[in-house]
């Protein structure tokens, strides 16, 4: 279990810094997280399971998107997601970048 957590944290820092085997494993972890999130998002849209308009799946997505490695992975894999989920993720990413402000140079 420790290995999986270490791999996830390492991949969240920089996906491209991982070796081939680590990228495969970390990519599968991220795919599972985003796939589960997409399923929850689609259910939320179709069944109106969030009547109080709470954060819902947004908090999960936000916690992934703060990681440069996850952003890097997502940029390469975004075409695989349903358009409405891709739009949702892109909106959350843009909002987090606006909140962070300009990057230091």
C-alpha atoms as a PDB file:
ATOM      1  CA  UNK A   1       0.000   0.000   0.000  1.00  0.00           C
ATOM      2  CA  UNK A   2       2.853   2.332   0.803  1.00  0.00           C
ATOM      3  CA  UNK A   3       4.193   1.865  -2.720  1.00  0.00           C
ATOM      4  CA  UNK A   4       0.895   2.928  -4.311  1.00  0.00           C
ATOM      5  CA  UNK A   5       0.708   6.061  -2.180  1.00  0.00           C
ATOM      6  CA  UNK A   6       4.330   6.958  -2.933  1.00  0.00           C
ATOM      7  CA  UNK A   7       3.792   6.382  -6.645  1.00  0.00           C
ATOM      8  CA  UNK A   8       0.650   8.521  -6.654  1.00  0.00           C
ATOM      9  CA  UNK A   9       2.376  11.398  -4.841  1.00  0.00           C
ATOM     10  CA  UNK A  10       5.419  11.184  -7.125  1.00  0.00           C
ATOM     11  CA  UNK A  11       3.187  11.194 -10.216  1.00  0.00           C
ATOM     12  CA  UNK A  12       1.189  14.135  -8.917  1.00  0.00           C
ATOM     13  CA  UNK A  13       4.395  16.168  -8.765  1.00  0.00           C
ATOM     14  CA  UNK A  14       5.446  15.332 -12.324  1.00  0.00           C
ATOM     15  CA  UNK A  15       3.914  12.647 -14.482  1.00  0.00           C
ATOM     16  CA  UNK A  16       6.662  12.950 -17.099  1.00  0.00           C
ATOM     17  CA  UNK A  17       9.372  12.349 -14.469  1.00  0.00           C
ATOM     18  CA  UNK A  18       8.061   8.815 -13.923  1.00  0.00           C
ATOM     19  CA  UNK A  19       9.670   5.874 -15.695  1.00  0.00           C
ATOM     20  CA  UNK A  20       7.600   3.870 -18.183  1.00  0.00           C
ATOM     21  CA  UNK A  21       6.297   1.345 -15.653  1.00  0.00           C
ATOM     22  CA  UNK A  22       5.492   4.056 -13.098  1.00  0.00           C
ATOM     23  CA  UNK A  23       3.626   6.090 -15.759  1.00  0.00           C
ATOM     24  CA  UNK A  24       1.555   3.044 -16.600  1.00  0.00           C
ATOM     25  CA  UNK A  25       0.671   2.394 -12.958  1.00  0.00           C
ATOM     26  CA  UNK A  26       0.074   6.028 -12.042  1.00  0.00           C
ATOM     27  CA  UNK A  27      -1.927   6.547 -15.236  1.00  0.00           C
ATOM     28  CA  UNK A  28      -4.204   3.682 -14.222  1.00  0.00           C
ATOM     29  CA  UNK A  29      -4.688   5.237 -10.783  1.00  0.00           C
ATOM     30  CA  UNK A  30      -5.571   8.614 -12.298  1.00  0.00           C
ATOM     31  CA  UNK A  31      -7.820   6.988 -14.904  1.00  0.00           C
ATOM     32  CA  UNK A  32      -9.733   5.209 -12.125  1.00  0.00           C
ATOM     33  CA  UNK A  33     -10.117   8.431 -10.148  1.00  0.00           C
ATOM     34  CA  UNK A  34     -11.301  10.483 -13.110  1.00  0.00           C
ATOM     35  CA  UNK A  35     -13.510   7.671 -14.391  1.00  0.00           C
ATOM     36  CA  UNK A  36     -15.206   7.324 -11.010  1.00  0.00           C
ATOM     37  CA  UNK A  37     -15.590  11.093 -10.847  1.00  0.00           C
ATOM     38  CA  UNK A  38     -17.081  11.179 -14.320  1.00  0.00           C
ATOM     39  CA  UNK A  39     -19.597   8.493 -13.349  1.00  0.00           C
ATOM     40  CA  UNK A  40     -20.577  10.471 -10.263  1.00  0.00           C
ATOM     41  CA  UNK A  41     -20.858  13.677 -12.255  1.00  0.00           C
ATOM     42  CA  UNK A  42     -23.074  12.099 -14.917  1.00  0.00           C
ATOM     43  CA  UNK A  43     -25.301  10.534 -12.245  1.00  0.00           C
ATOM     44  CA  UNK A  44     -25.519  13.897 -10.533  1.00  0.00           C
ATOM     45  CA  UNK A  45     -26.578  15.532 -13.805  1.00  0.00           C
ATOM     46  CA  UNK A  46     -29.067  12.899 -14.845  1.00  0.00           C
ATOM     47  CA  UNK A  47     -30.648  12.042 -11.490  1.00  0.00           C
ATOM     48  CA  UNK A  48     -30.398  15.423  -9.820  1.00  0.00           C
ATOM     49  CA  UNK A  49     -28.802  13.807  -6.784  1.00  0.00           C
ATOM     50  CA  UNK A  50     -27.528  17.144  -5.524  1.00  0.00           C
ATOM     51  CA  UNK A  51     -30.717  19.104  -4.731  1.00  0.00           C
ATOM     52  CA  UNK A  52     -28.955  21.478  -2.350  1.00  0.00           C
ATOM     53  CA  UNK A  53     -26.385  22.343  -5.016  1.00  0.00           C
ATOM     54  CA  UNK A  54     -23.559  21.271  -2.733  1.00  0.00           C
ATOM     55  CA  UNK A  55     -20.048  20.805  -4.016  1.00  0.00           C
ATOM     56  CA  UNK A  56     -20.652  17.220  -5.070  1.00  0.00           C
ATOM     57  CA  UNK A  57     -17.885  15.748  -7.184  1.00  0.00           C
ATOM     58  CA  UNK A  58     -16.219  19.159  -7.630  1.00  0.00           C
ATOM     59  CA  UNK A  59     -14.156  18.785  -4.461  1.00  0.00           C
ATOM     60  CA  UNK A  60     -12.722  15.483  -5.646  1.00  0.00           C
ATOM     61  CA  UNK A  61     -11.792  16.964  -9.019  1.00  0.00           C
ATOM     62  CA  UNK A  62     -10.290  20.062  -7.399  1.00  0.00           C
ATOM     63  CA  UNK A  63      -8.110  17.927  -5.115  1.00  0.00           C
ATOM     64  CA  UNK A  64      -6.703  16.166  -8.188  1.00  0.00           C
ATOM     65  CA  UNK A  65      -6.295  19.293 -10.315  1.00  0.00           C
ATOM     66  CA  UNK A  66      -4.014  21.085  -7.835  1.00  0.00           C
ATOM     67  CA  UNK A  67      -1.311  18.576  -8.762  1.00  0.00           C
ATOM     68  CA  UNK A  68       0.868  19.425 -11.782  1.00  0.00           C
ATOM     69  CA  UNK A  69       1.370  15.733 -12.595  1.00  0.00           C
ATOM     70  CA  UNK A  70      -2.385  15.112 -12.652  1.00  0.00           C
ATOM     71  CA  UNK A  71      -2.854  18.140 -14.922  1.00  0.00           C
ATOM     72  CA  UNK A  72      -0.114  16.836 -17.202  1.00  0.00           C
ATOM     73  CA  UNK A  73      -1.753  13.401 -17.399  1.00  0.00           C
ATOM     74  CA  UNK A  74      -5.202  14.880 -17.911  1.00  0.00           C
ATOM     75  CA  UNK A  75      -4.047  17.081 -20.809  1.00  0.00           C
ATOM     76  CA  UNK A  76      -3.031  13.948 -22.702  1.00  0.00           C
ATOM     77  CA  UNK A  77      -6.132  11.946 -21.784  1.00  0.00           C
ATOM     78  CA  UNK A  78      -8.921  14.571 -21.819  1.00  0.00           C
ATOM     79  CA  UNK A  79     -10.283  13.471 -25.220  1.00  0.00           C
ATOM     80  CA  UNK A  80     -11.346  10.161 -23.657  1.00  0.00           C
ATOM     81  CA  UNK A  81     -13.919  11.807 -21.366  1.00  0.00           C
ATOM     82  CA  UNK A  82     -17.523  12.669 -22.159  1.00  0.00           C
ATOM     83  CA  UNK A  83     -17.832  16.262 -23.426  1.00  0.00           C
ATOM     84  CA  UNK A  84     -19.919  17.470 -20.479  1.00  0.00           C
ATOM     85  CA  UNK A  85     -17.425  16.030 -17.980  1.00  0.00           C
ATOM     86  CA  UNK A  86     -14.463  17.456 -19.923  1.00  0.00           C
ATOM     87  CA  UNK A  87     -16.134  20.886 -19.856  1.00  0.00           C
ATOM     88  CA  UNK A  88     -16.761  20.551 -16.100  1.00  0.00           C
ATOM     89  CA  UNK A  89     -13.114  19.623 -15.436  1.00  0.00           C
ATOM     90  CA  UNK A  90     -11.828  22.435 -17.670  1.00  0.00           C
ATOM     91  CA  UNK A  91     -14.030  24.953 -15.844  1.00  0.00           C
ATOM     92  CA  UNK A  92     -12.728  23.732 -12.464  1.00  0.00           C
ATOM     93  CA  UNK A  93      -9.129  23.910 -13.723  1.00  0.00           C
ATOM     94  CA  UNK A  94      -9.591  27.449 -15.081  1.00  0.00           C
ATOM     95  CA  UNK A  95     -11.183  28.554 -11.794  1.00  0.00           C
ATOM     96  CA  UNK A  96      -8.309  27.112  -9.754  1.00  0.00           C
ATOM     97  CA  UNK A  97      -5.780  28.920 -11.954  1.00  0.00           C
ATOM     98  CA  UNK A  98      -7.672  32.218 -11.550  1.00  0.00           C
ATOM     99  CA  UNK A  99      -7.688  31.760  -7.762  1.00  0.00           C
ATOM    100  CA  UNK A 100      -3.960  30.978  -7.730  1.00  0.00           C
ATOM    101  CA  UNK A 101      -3.178  34.192  -9.603  1.00  0.00           C
ATOM    102  CA  UNK A 102      -0.260  34.776 -11.937  1.00  0.00           C
ATOM    103  CA  UNK A 103       2.605  32.330 -11.697  1.00  0.00           C
ATOM    104  CA  UNK A 104       5.938  33.703 -10.464  1.00  0.00           C
ATOM    105  CA  UNK A 105       8.596  34.202 -13.105  1.00  0.00           C
END
